[in-house]
């Protein structure tokens, strides 16, 4: 969902061996990771991780078309929450 930041995290851990910087980076990404996998780690059942990935692509300017059933798009509330998370990471 955030390839630029994933690459930066890789560079911090692998290339620079800057574990403190990588931990700081990971902590900034953690709210997005928790949002993406919320349905798996809580009883909420929403959002589906794939719906989150698809919506993140749309929010980042990559229209990918409609999902096929049974996958449904994110609700307005979840979309706004994702939008805020991506905005905090300066990804949109």
PDB file of N, CA and C in Angstrom:
ATOM      1  N   UNK A   1       0.814  -1.198   0.000  1.00  0.00           N
ATOM      2  CA  UNK A   1       0.000   0.000   0.000  1.00  0.00           C
ATOM      3  C   UNK A   1       0.853   1.255   0.000  1.00  0.00           C
ATOM      4  N   UNK A   2       1.993   1.177   0.621  1.00  0.00           N
ATOM      5  CA  UNK A   2       2.874   2.347   0.706  1.00  0.00           C
ATOM      6  C   UNK A   2       4.295   1.928   0.301  1.00  0.00           C
ATOM      7  N   UNK A   3       4.514   1.694  -0.978  1.00  0.00           N
ATOM      8  CA  UNK A   3       5.808   1.148  -1.414  1.00  0.00           C
ATOM      9  C   UNK A   3       7.001   2.040  -1.099  1.00  0.00           C
ATOM     10  N   UNK A   4       6.819   3.342  -1.158  1.00  0.00           N
ATOM     11  CA  UNK A   4       7.932   4.254  -0.852  1.00  0.00           C
ATOM     12  C   UNK A   4       8.390   4.044   0.589  1.00  0.00           C
ATOM     13  N   UNK A   5       7.438   3.924   1.491  1.00  0.00           N
ATOM     14  CA  UNK A   5       7.771   3.748   2.905  1.00  0.00           C
ATOM     15  C   UNK A   5       8.296   2.342   3.176  1.00  0.00           C
ATOM     16  N   UNK A   6       7.779   1.365   2.468  1.00  0.00           N
ATOM     17  CA  UNK A   6       8.295  -0.002   2.617  1.00  0.00           C
ATOM     18  C   UNK A   6       9.758  -0.059   2.174  1.00  0.00           C
ATOM     19  N   UNK A   7      10.068   0.625   1.091  1.00  0.00           N
ATOM     20  CA  UNK A   7      11.443   0.675   0.615  1.00  0.00           C
ATOM     21  C   UNK A   7      12.345   1.380   1.631  1.00  0.00           C
ATOM     22  N   UNK A   8      11.840   2.464   2.208  1.00  0.00           N
ATOM     23  CA  UNK A   8      12.619   3.193   3.206  1.00  0.00           C
ATOM     24  C   UNK A   8      12.879   2.312   4.432  1.00  0.00           C
ATOM     25  N   UNK A   9      11.876   1.551   4.849  1.00  0.00           N
ATOM     26  CA  UNK A   9      12.043   0.644   5.982  1.00  0.00           C
ATOM     27  C   UNK A   9      13.099  -0.415   5.665  1.00  0.00           C
ATOM     28  N   UNK A  10      13.054  -0.947   4.456  1.00  0.00           N
ATOM     29  CA  UNK A  10      14.069  -1.917   4.027  1.00  0.00           C
ATOM     30  C   UNK A  10      15.458  -1.300   4.061  1.00  0.00           C
ATOM     31  N   UNK A  11      15.583  -0.097   3.531  1.00  0.00           N
ATOM     32  CA  UNK A  11      16.888   0.566   3.517  1.00  0.00           C
ATOM     33  C   UNK A  11      17.414   0.804   4.932  1.00  0.00           C
ATOM     34  N   UNK A  12      16.527   1.203   5.829  1.00  0.00           N
ATOM     35  CA  UNK A  12      16.951   1.435   7.210  1.00  0.00           C
ATOM     36  C   UNK A  12      17.448   0.156   7.863  1.00  0.00           C
ATOM     37  N   UNK A  13      16.760  -0.960   7.610  1.00  0.00           N
ATOM     38  CA  UNK A  13      17.143  -2.207   8.262  1.00  0.00           C
ATOM     39  C   UNK A  13      18.300  -2.894   7.548  1.00  0.00           C
ATOM     40  N   UNK A  14      18.237  -2.991   6.256  1.00  0.00           N
ATOM     41  CA  UNK A  14      19.217  -3.774   5.513  1.00  0.00           C
ATOM     42  C   UNK A  14      20.460  -2.967   5.123  1.00  0.00           C
ATOM     43  N   UNK A  15      20.235  -1.854   4.465  1.00  0.00           N
ATOM     44  CA  UNK A  15      21.369  -1.094   3.936  1.00  0.00           C
ATOM     45  C   UNK A  15      22.116  -0.315   5.019  1.00  0.00           C
ATOM     46  N   UNK A  16      21.361   0.374   5.863  1.00  0.00           N
ATOM     47  CA  UNK A  16      21.995   1.237   6.870  1.00  0.00           C
ATOM     48  C   UNK A  16      22.180   0.559   8.230  1.00  0.00           C
ATOM     49  N   UNK A  17      21.454  -0.530   8.436  1.00  0.00           N
ATOM     50  CA  UNK A  17      21.477  -1.223   9.731  1.00  0.00           C
ATOM     51  C   UNK A  17      21.125  -0.269  10.879  1.00  0.00           C
ATOM     52  N   UNK A  18      20.198   0.638  10.591  1.00  0.00           N
ATOM     53  CA  UNK A  18      19.745   1.634  11.559  1.00  0.00           C
ATOM     54  C   UNK A  18      18.470   1.109  12.222  1.00  0.00           C
ATOM     55  N   UNK A  19      18.651   0.285  13.238  1.00  0.00           N
ATOM     56  CA  UNK A  19      17.500  -0.350  13.876  1.00  0.00           C
ATOM     57  C   UNK A  19      16.637   0.641  14.633  1.00  0.00           C
ATOM     58  N   UNK A  20      17.228   1.658  15.210  1.00  0.00           N
ATOM     59  CA  UNK A  20      16.431   2.680  15.911  1.00  0.00           C
ATOM     60  C   UNK A  20      15.570   3.447  14.910  1.00  0.00           C
ATOM     61  N   UNK A  21      16.152   3.808  13.779  1.00  0.00           N
ATOM     62  CA  UNK A  21      15.387   4.491  12.738  1.00  0.00           C
ATOM     63  C   UNK A  21      14.304   3.604  12.167  1.00  0.00           C
ATOM     64  N   UNK A  22      14.621   2.323  11.982  1.00  0.00           N
ATOM     65  CA  UNK A  22      13.641   1.374  11.460  1.00  0.00           C
ATOM     66  C   UNK A  22      12.491   1.186  12.444  1.00  0.00           C
ATOM     67  N   UNK A  23      12.810   1.122  13.732  1.00  0.00           N
ATOM     68  CA  UNK A  23      11.762   0.979  14.731  1.00  0.00           C
ATOM     69  C   UNK A  23      10.851   2.206  14.733  1.00  0.00           C
ATOM     70  N   UNK A  24      11.429   3.371  14.613  1.00  0.00           N
ATOM     71  CA  UNK A  24      10.634   4.599  14.540  1.00  0.00           C
ATOM     72  C   UNK A  24       9.736   4.569  13.301  1.00  0.00           C
ATOM     73  N   UNK A  25      10.292   4.150  12.182  1.00  0.00           N
ATOM     74  CA  UNK A  25       9.525   4.051  10.938  1.00  0.00           C
ATOM     75  C   UNK A  25       8.392   3.039  11.089  1.00  0.00           C
ATOM     76  N   UNK A  26       8.705   1.880  11.653  1.00  0.00           N
ATOM     77  CA  UNK A  26       7.698   0.839  11.843  1.00  0.00           C
ATOM     78  C   UNK A  26       6.571   1.351  12.745  1.00  0.00           C
ATOM     79  N   UNK A  27       6.917   2.070  13.794  1.00  0.00           N
ATOM     80  CA  UNK A  27       5.897   2.615  14.686  1.00  0.00           C
ATOM     81  C   UNK A  27       4.977   3.595  13.971  1.00  0.00           C
ATOM     82  N   UNK A  28       5.501   4.308  12.991  1.00  0.00           N
ATOM     83  CA  UNK A  28       4.640   5.220  12.224  1.00  0.00           C
ATOM     84  C   UNK A  28       3.743   4.451  11.258  1.00  0.00           C
ATOM     85  N   UNK A  29       4.193   3.285  10.802  1.00  0.00           N
ATOM     86  CA  UNK A  29       3.391   2.454   9.895  1.00  0.00           C
ATOM     87  C   UNK A  29       2.377   1.576  10.624  1.00  0.00           C
ATOM     88  N   UNK A  30       2.600   1.328  11.893  1.00  0.00           N
ATOM     89  CA  UNK A  30       1.779   0.391  12.651  1.00  0.00           C
ATOM     90  C   UNK A  30       0.279   0.704  12.646  1.00  0.00           C
ATOM     91  N   UNK A  31      -0.157   1.969  12.761  1.00  0.00           N
ATOM     92  CA  UNK A  31      -1.602   2.215  12.685  1.00  0.00           C
ATOM     93  C   UNK A  31      -2.215   1.768  11.351  1.00  0.00           C
ATOM     94  N   UNK A  32      -1.504   1.924  10.258  1.00  0.00           N
ATOM     95  CA  UNK A  32      -1.993   1.470   8.963  1.00  0.00           C
ATOM     96  C   UNK A  32      -2.049  -0.056   8.906  1.00  0.00           C
ATOM     97  N   UNK A  33      -1.030  -0.712   9.418  1.00  0.00           N
ATOM     98  CA  UNK A  33      -1.001  -2.178   9.449  1.00  0.00           C
ATOM     99  C   UNK A  33      -2.158  -2.703  10.298  1.00  0.00           C
ATOM    100  N   UNK A  34      -2.361  -2.101  11.453  1.00  0.00           N
ATOM    101  CA  UNK A  34      -3.471  -2.530  12.321  1.00  0.00           C
ATOM    102  C   UNK A  34      -4.822  -2.306  11.655  1.00  0.00           C
ATOM    103  N   UNK A  35      -4.958  -1.202  10.934  1.00  0.00           N
ATOM    104  CA  UNK A  35      -6.202  -0.938  10.222  1.00  0.00           C
ATOM    105  C   UNK A  35      -6.431  -2.004   9.148  1.00  0.00           C
ATOM    106  N   UNK A  36      -5.384  -2.295   8.383  1.00  0.00           N
ATOM    107  CA  UNK A  36      -5.515  -3.265   7.297  1.00  0.00           C
ATOM    108  C   UNK A  36      -5.932  -4.645   7.800  1.00  0.00           C
ATOM    109  N   UNK A  37      -5.402  -5.041   8.933  1.00  0.00           N
ATOM    110  CA  UNK A  37      -5.671  -6.388   9.448  1.00  0.00           C
ATOM    111  C   UNK A  37      -6.622  -6.403  10.641  1.00  0.00           C
ATOM    112  N   UNK A  38      -7.357  -5.331  10.830  1.00  0.00           N
ATOM    113  CA  UNK A  38      -8.291  -5.238  11.956  1.00  0.00           C
ATOM    114  C   UNK A  38      -9.269  -6.415  11.995  1.00  0.00           C
ATOM    115  N   UNK A  39      -9.774  -6.818  10.856  1.00  0.00           N
ATOM    116  CA  UNK A  39     -10.742  -7.912  10.806  1.00  0.00           C
ATOM    117  C   UNK A  39     -10.133  -9.229  11.288  1.00  0.00           C
ATOM    118  N   UNK A  40      -8.830  -9.375  11.142  1.00  0.00           N
ATOM    119  CA  UNK A  40      -8.171 -10.613  11.559  1.00  0.00           C
ATOM    120  C   UNK A  40      -7.775 -10.607  13.030  1.00  0.00           C
ATOM    121  N   UNK A  41      -7.573  -9.424  13.605  1.00  0.00           N
ATOM    122  CA  UNK A  41      -7.080  -9.366  14.982  1.00  0.00           C
ATOM    123  C   UNK A  41      -8.145  -8.925  15.981  1.00  0.00           C
ATOM    124  N   UNK A  42      -9.345  -8.639  15.498  1.00  0.00           N
ATOM    125  CA  UNK A  42     -10.453  -8.277  16.389  1.00  0.00           C
ATOM    126  C   UNK A  42     -11.705  -9.017  15.939  1.00  0.00           C
ATOM    127  N   UNK A  43     -12.770  -8.814  16.662  1.00  0.00           N
ATOM    128  CA  UNK A  43     -14.059  -9.408  16.296  1.00  0.00           C
ATOM    129  C   UNK A  43     -14.873  -8.500  15.382  1.00  0.00           C
ATOM    130  N   UNK A  44     -14.280  -7.394  14.918  1.00  0.00           N
ATOM    131  CA  UNK A  44     -15.024  -6.424  14.117  1.00  0.00           C
ATOM    132  C   UNK A  44     -15.496  -7.003  12.785  1.00  0.00           C
ATOM    133  N   UNK A  45     -14.695  -7.855  12.165  1.00  0.00           N
ATOM    134  CA  UNK A  45     -15.068  -8.435  10.891  1.00  0.00           C
ATOM    135  C   UNK A  45     -14.886  -7.500   9.706  1.00  0.00           C
ATOM    136  N   UNK A  46     -14.539  -6.288   9.951  1.00  0.00           N
ATOM    137  CA  UNK A  46     -14.328  -5.292   8.904  1.00  0.00           C
ATOM    138  C   UNK A  46     -13.102  -4.471   9.270  1.00  0.00           C
ATOM    139  N   UNK A  47     -12.400  -3.930   8.382  1.00  0.00           N
ATOM    140  CA  UNK A  47     -12.477  -4.094   6.941  1.00  0.00           C
ATOM    141  C   UNK A  47     -11.688  -5.307   6.487  1.00  0.00           C
ATOM    142  N   UNK A  48     -12.022  -5.834   5.340  1.00  0.00           N
ATOM    143  CA  UNK A  48     -11.263  -6.928   4.749  1.00  0.00           C
ATOM    144  C   UNK A  48      -9.937  -6.353   4.238  1.00  0.00           C
ATOM    145  N   UNK A  49      -8.856  -7.066   4.463  1.00  0.00           N
ATOM    146  CA  UNK A  49      -7.534  -6.545   4.097  1.00  0.00           C
ATOM    147  C   UNK A  49      -7.418  -6.215   2.614  1.00  0.00           C
ATOM    148  N   UNK A  50      -8.061  -7.012   1.763  1.00  0.00           N
ATOM    149  CA  UNK A  50      -7.965  -6.752   0.336  1.00  0.00           C
ATOM    150  C   UNK A  50      -8.755  -5.505  -0.050  1.00  0.00           C
ATOM    151  N   UNK A  51      -9.887  -5.285   0.593  1.00  0.00           N
ATOM    152  CA  UNK A  51     -10.657  -4.062   0.342  1.00  0.00           C
ATOM    153  C   UNK A  51      -9.847  -2.835   0.745  1.00  0.00           C
ATOM    154  N   UNK A  52      -9.082  -2.958   1.818  1.00  0.00           N
ATOM    155  CA  UNK A  52      -8.222  -1.849   2.260  1.00  0.00           C
ATOM    156  C   UNK A  52      -7.145  -1.578   1.210  1.00  0.00           C
ATOM    157  N   UNK A  53      -6.508  -2.614   0.705  1.00  0.00           N
ATOM    158  CA  UNK A  53      -5.473  -2.438  -0.322  1.00  0.00           C
ATOM    159  C   UNK A  53      -6.050  -1.805  -1.578  1.00  0.00           C
ATOM    160  N   UNK A  54      -7.219  -2.262  -1.989  1.00  0.00           N
ATOM    161  CA  UNK A  54      -7.848  -1.718  -3.194  1.00  0.00           C
ATOM    162  C   UNK A  54      -8.199  -0.244  -2.999  1.00  0.00           C
ATOM    163  N   UNK A  55      -8.761   0.087  -1.850  1.00  0.00           N
ATOM    164  CA  UNK A  55      -9.147   1.471  -1.593  1.00  0.00           C
ATOM    165  C   UNK A  55      -7.923   2.368  -1.475  1.00  0.00           C
ATOM    166  N   UNK A  56      -6.851   1.861  -0.887  1.00  0.00           N
ATOM    167  CA  UNK A  56      -5.618   2.643  -0.796  1.00  0.00           C
ATOM    168  C   UNK A  56      -5.093   2.964  -2.189  1.00  0.00           C
ATOM    169  N   UNK A  57      -5.182   2.012  -3.092  1.00  0.00           N
ATOM    170  CA  UNK A  57      -4.749   2.265  -4.466  1.00  0.00           C
ATOM    171  C   UNK A  57      -5.586   3.367  -5.103  1.00  0.00           C
ATOM    172  N   UNK A  58      -6.883   3.315  -4.909  1.00  0.00           N
ATOM    173  CA  UNK A  58      -7.779   4.337  -5.468  1.00  0.00           C
ATOM    174  C   UNK A  58      -7.449   5.704  -4.872  1.00  0.00           C
ATOM    175  N   UNK A  59      -7.265   5.759  -3.565  1.00  0.00           N
ATOM    176  CA  UNK A  59      -6.949   7.028  -2.908  1.00  0.00           C
ATOM    177  C   UNK A  59      -5.611   7.599  -3.366  1.00  0.00           C
ATOM    178  N   UNK A  60      -4.716   6.726  -3.782  1.00  0.00           N
ATOM    179  CA  UNK A  60      -3.403   7.163  -4.250  1.00  0.00           C
ATOM    180  C   UNK A  60      -3.389   7.427  -5.750  1.00  0.00           C
ATOM    181  N   UNK A  61      -4.576   7.415  -6.370  1.00  0.00           N
ATOM    182  CA  UNK A  61      -4.676   7.778  -7.780  1.00  0.00           C
ATOM    183  C   UNK A  61      -4.533   6.637  -8.760  1.00  0.00           C
ATOM    184  N   UNK A  62      -4.731   5.410  -8.293  1.00  0.00           N
ATOM    185  CA  UNK A  62      -4.639   4.242  -9.168  1.00  0.00           C
ATOM    186  C   UNK A  62      -5.997   3.555  -9.240  1.00  0.00           C
ATOM    187  N   UNK A  63      -6.886   4.021 -10.105  1.00  0.00           N
ATOM    188  CA  UNK A  63      -8.204   3.389 -10.192  1.00  0.00           C
ATOM    189  C   UNK A  63      -8.075   1.945 -10.671  1.00  0.00           C
ATOM    190  N   UNK A  64      -8.643   1.031  -9.921  1.00  0.00           N
ATOM    191  CA  UNK A  64      -8.478  -0.391 -10.239  1.00  0.00           C
ATOM    192  C   UNK A  64      -9.803  -1.085 -10.516  1.00  0.00           C
ATOM    193  N   UNK A  65     -10.859  -0.323 -10.592  1.00  0.00           N
ATOM    194  CA  UNK A  65     -12.149  -0.928 -10.915  1.00  0.00           C
ATOM    195  C   UNK A  65     -12.865  -1.459  -9.697  1.00  0.00           C
ATOM    196  N   UNK A  66     -14.003  -2.046  -9.954  1.00  0.00           N
ATOM    197  CA  UNK A  66     -14.852  -2.549  -8.877  1.00  0.00           C
ATOM    198  C   UNK A  66     -14.404  -3.932  -8.408  1.00  0.00           C
ATOM    199  N   UNK A  67     -14.638  -4.191  -7.139  1.00  0.00           N
ATOM    200  CA  UNK A  67     -14.353  -5.507  -6.582  1.00  0.00           C
ATOM    201  C   UNK A  67     -15.424  -6.492  -7.009  1.00  0.00           C
ATOM    202  N   UNK A  68     -15.047  -7.752  -7.079  1.00  0.00           N
ATOM    203  CA  UNK A  68     -16.026  -8.801  -7.346  1.00  0.00           C
ATOM    204  C   UNK A  68     -16.544  -9.337  -6.028  1.00  0.00           C
ATOM    205  N   UNK A  69     -17.802  -9.721  -6.020  1.00  0.00           N
ATOM    206  CA  UNK A  69     -18.410 -10.295  -4.816  1.00  0.00           C
ATOM    207  C   UNK A  69     -17.656 -11.557  -4.435  1.00  0.00           C
ATOM    208  N   UNK A  70     -17.524 -11.836  -3.165  1.00  0.00           N
ATOM    209  CA  UNK A  70     -18.214 -11.223  -2.031  1.00  0.00           C
ATOM    210  C   UNK A  70     -17.503 -10.004  -1.458  1.00  0.00           C
ATOM    211  N   UNK A  71     -16.347  -9.635  -2.016  1.00  0.00           N
ATOM    212  CA  UNK A  71     -15.640  -8.460  -1.505  1.00  0.00           C
ATOM    213  C   UNK A  71     -16.443  -7.208  -1.797  1.00  0.00           C
ATOM    214  N   UNK A  72     -16.580  -6.381  -0.801  1.00  0.00           N
ATOM    215  CA  UNK A  72     -17.322  -5.130  -0.942  1.00  0.00           C
ATOM    216  C   UNK A  72     -16.381  -3.960  -0.666  1.00  0.00           C
ATOM    217  N   UNK A  73     -16.700  -2.798  -1.229  1.00  0.00           N
ATOM    218  CA  UNK A  73     -15.865  -1.624  -0.941  1.00  0.00           C
ATOM    219  C   UNK A  73     -15.984  -1.214   0.525  1.00  0.00           C
ATOM    220  N   UNK A  74     -15.043  -0.418   0.971  1.00  0.00           N
ATOM    221  CA  UNK A  74     -15.077   0.072   2.344  1.00  0.00           C
ATOM    222  C   UNK A  74     -16.270   0.999   2.552  1.00  0.00           C
ATOM    223  N   UNK A  75     -16.783   0.995   3.758  1.00  0.00           N
ATOM    224  CA  UNK A  75     -17.834   1.944   4.109  1.00  0.00           C
ATOM    225  C   UNK A  75     -17.240   3.355   4.100  1.00  0.00           C
ATOM    226  N   UNK A  76     -18.099   4.342   4.088  1.00  0.00           N
ATOM    227  CA  UNK A  76     -17.640   5.728   4.093  1.00  0.00           C
ATOM    228  C   UNK A  76     -16.772   6.014   5.309  1.00  0.00           C
ATOM    229  N   UNK A  77     -17.165   5.490   6.467  1.00  0.00           N
ATOM    230  CA  UNK A  77     -16.407   5.726   7.692  1.00  0.00           C
ATOM    231  C   UNK A  77     -15.017   5.103   7.612  1.00  0.00           C
ATOM    232  N   UNK A  78     -14.947   3.853   7.135  1.00  0.00           N
ATOM    233  CA  UNK A  78     -13.657   3.179   7.026  1.00  0.00           C
ATOM    234  C   UNK A  78     -12.785   3.839   5.960  1.00  0.00           C
ATOM    235  N   UNK A  79     -13.400   4.290   4.888  1.00  0.00           N
ATOM    236  CA  UNK A  79     -12.646   4.979   3.843  1.00  0.00           C
ATOM    237  C   UNK A  79     -12.018   6.262   4.393  1.00  0.00           C
ATOM    238  N   UNK A  80     -12.769   7.000   5.180  1.00  0.00           N
ATOM    239  CA  UNK A  80     -12.245   8.233   5.767  1.00  0.00           C
ATOM    240  C   UNK A  80     -11.125   7.937   6.757  1.00  0.00           C
ATOM    241  N   UNK A  81     -11.266   6.853   7.510  1.00  0.00           N
ATOM    242  CA  UNK A  81     -10.209   6.467   8.444  1.00  0.00           C
ATOM    243  C   UNK A  81      -8.934   6.103   7.688  1.00  0.00           C
ATOM    244  N   UNK A  82      -9.070   5.346   6.600  1.00  0.00           N
ATOM    245  CA  UNK A  82      -7.915   4.997   5.774  1.00  0.00           C
ATOM    246  C   UNK A  82      -7.300   6.246   5.160  1.00  0.00           C
ATOM    247  N   UNK A  83      -8.136   7.127   4.676  1.00  0.00           N
ATOM    248  CA  UNK A  83      -7.656   8.368   4.076  1.00  0.00           C
ATOM    249  C   UNK A  83      -6.828   9.170   5.081  1.00  0.00           C
ATOM    250  N   UNK A  84      -7.295   9.249   6.321  1.00  0.00           N
ATOM    251  CA  UNK A  84      -6.559   9.966   7.361  1.00  0.00           C
ATOM    252  C   UNK A  84      -5.222   9.304   7.649  1.00  0.00           C
ATOM    253  N   UNK A  85      -5.199   7.978   7.696  1.00  0.00           N
ATOM    254  CA  UNK A  85      -3.947   7.257   7.953  1.00  0.00           C
ATOM    255  C   UNK A  85      -2.937   7.500   6.825  1.00  0.00           C
ATOM    256  N   UNK A  86      -3.386   7.442   5.594  1.00  0.00           N
ATOM    257  CA  UNK A  86      -2.494   7.686   4.459  1.00  0.00           C
ATOM    258  C   UNK A  86      -2.022   9.126   4.430  1.00  0.00           C
ATOM    259  N   UNK A  87      -2.897  10.023   4.828  1.00  0.00           N
ATOM    260  CA  UNK A  87      -2.520  11.444   4.876  1.00  0.00           C
ATOM    261  C   UNK A  87      -1.442  11.673   5.948  1.00  0.00           C
ATOM    262  N   UNK A  88      -1.593  11.028   7.101  1.00  0.00           N
ATOM    263  CA  UNK A  88      -0.592  11.156   8.162  1.00  0.00           C
ATOM    264  C   UNK A  88       0.775  10.654   7.713  1.00  0.00           C
ATOM    265  N   UNK A  89       0.771   9.671   6.830  1.00  0.00           N
ATOM    266  CA  UNK A  89       2.033   9.121   6.313  1.00  0.00           C
ATOM    267  C   UNK A  89       2.521   9.874   5.083  1.00  0.00           C
ATOM    268  N   UNK A  90       1.803  10.921   4.706  1.00  0.00           N
ATOM    269  CA  UNK A  90       2.139  11.747   3.537  1.00  0.00           C
ATOM    270  C   UNK A  90       2.140  10.904   2.253  1.00  0.00           C
ATOM    271  N   UNK A  91       1.171   9.985   2.162  1.00  0.00           N
ATOM    272  CA  UNK A  91       1.042   9.143   0.984  1.00  0.00           C
ATOM    273  C   UNK A  91      -0.081   9.597   0.061  1.00  0.00           C
ATOM    274  N   UNK A  92      -0.877  10.536   0.513  1.00  0.00           N
ATOM    275  CA  UNK A  92      -1.893  11.147  -0.369  1.00  0.00           C
ATOM    276  C   UNK A  92      -1.925  12.646  -0.098  1.00  0.00           C
TER     277      UNK A  92
END
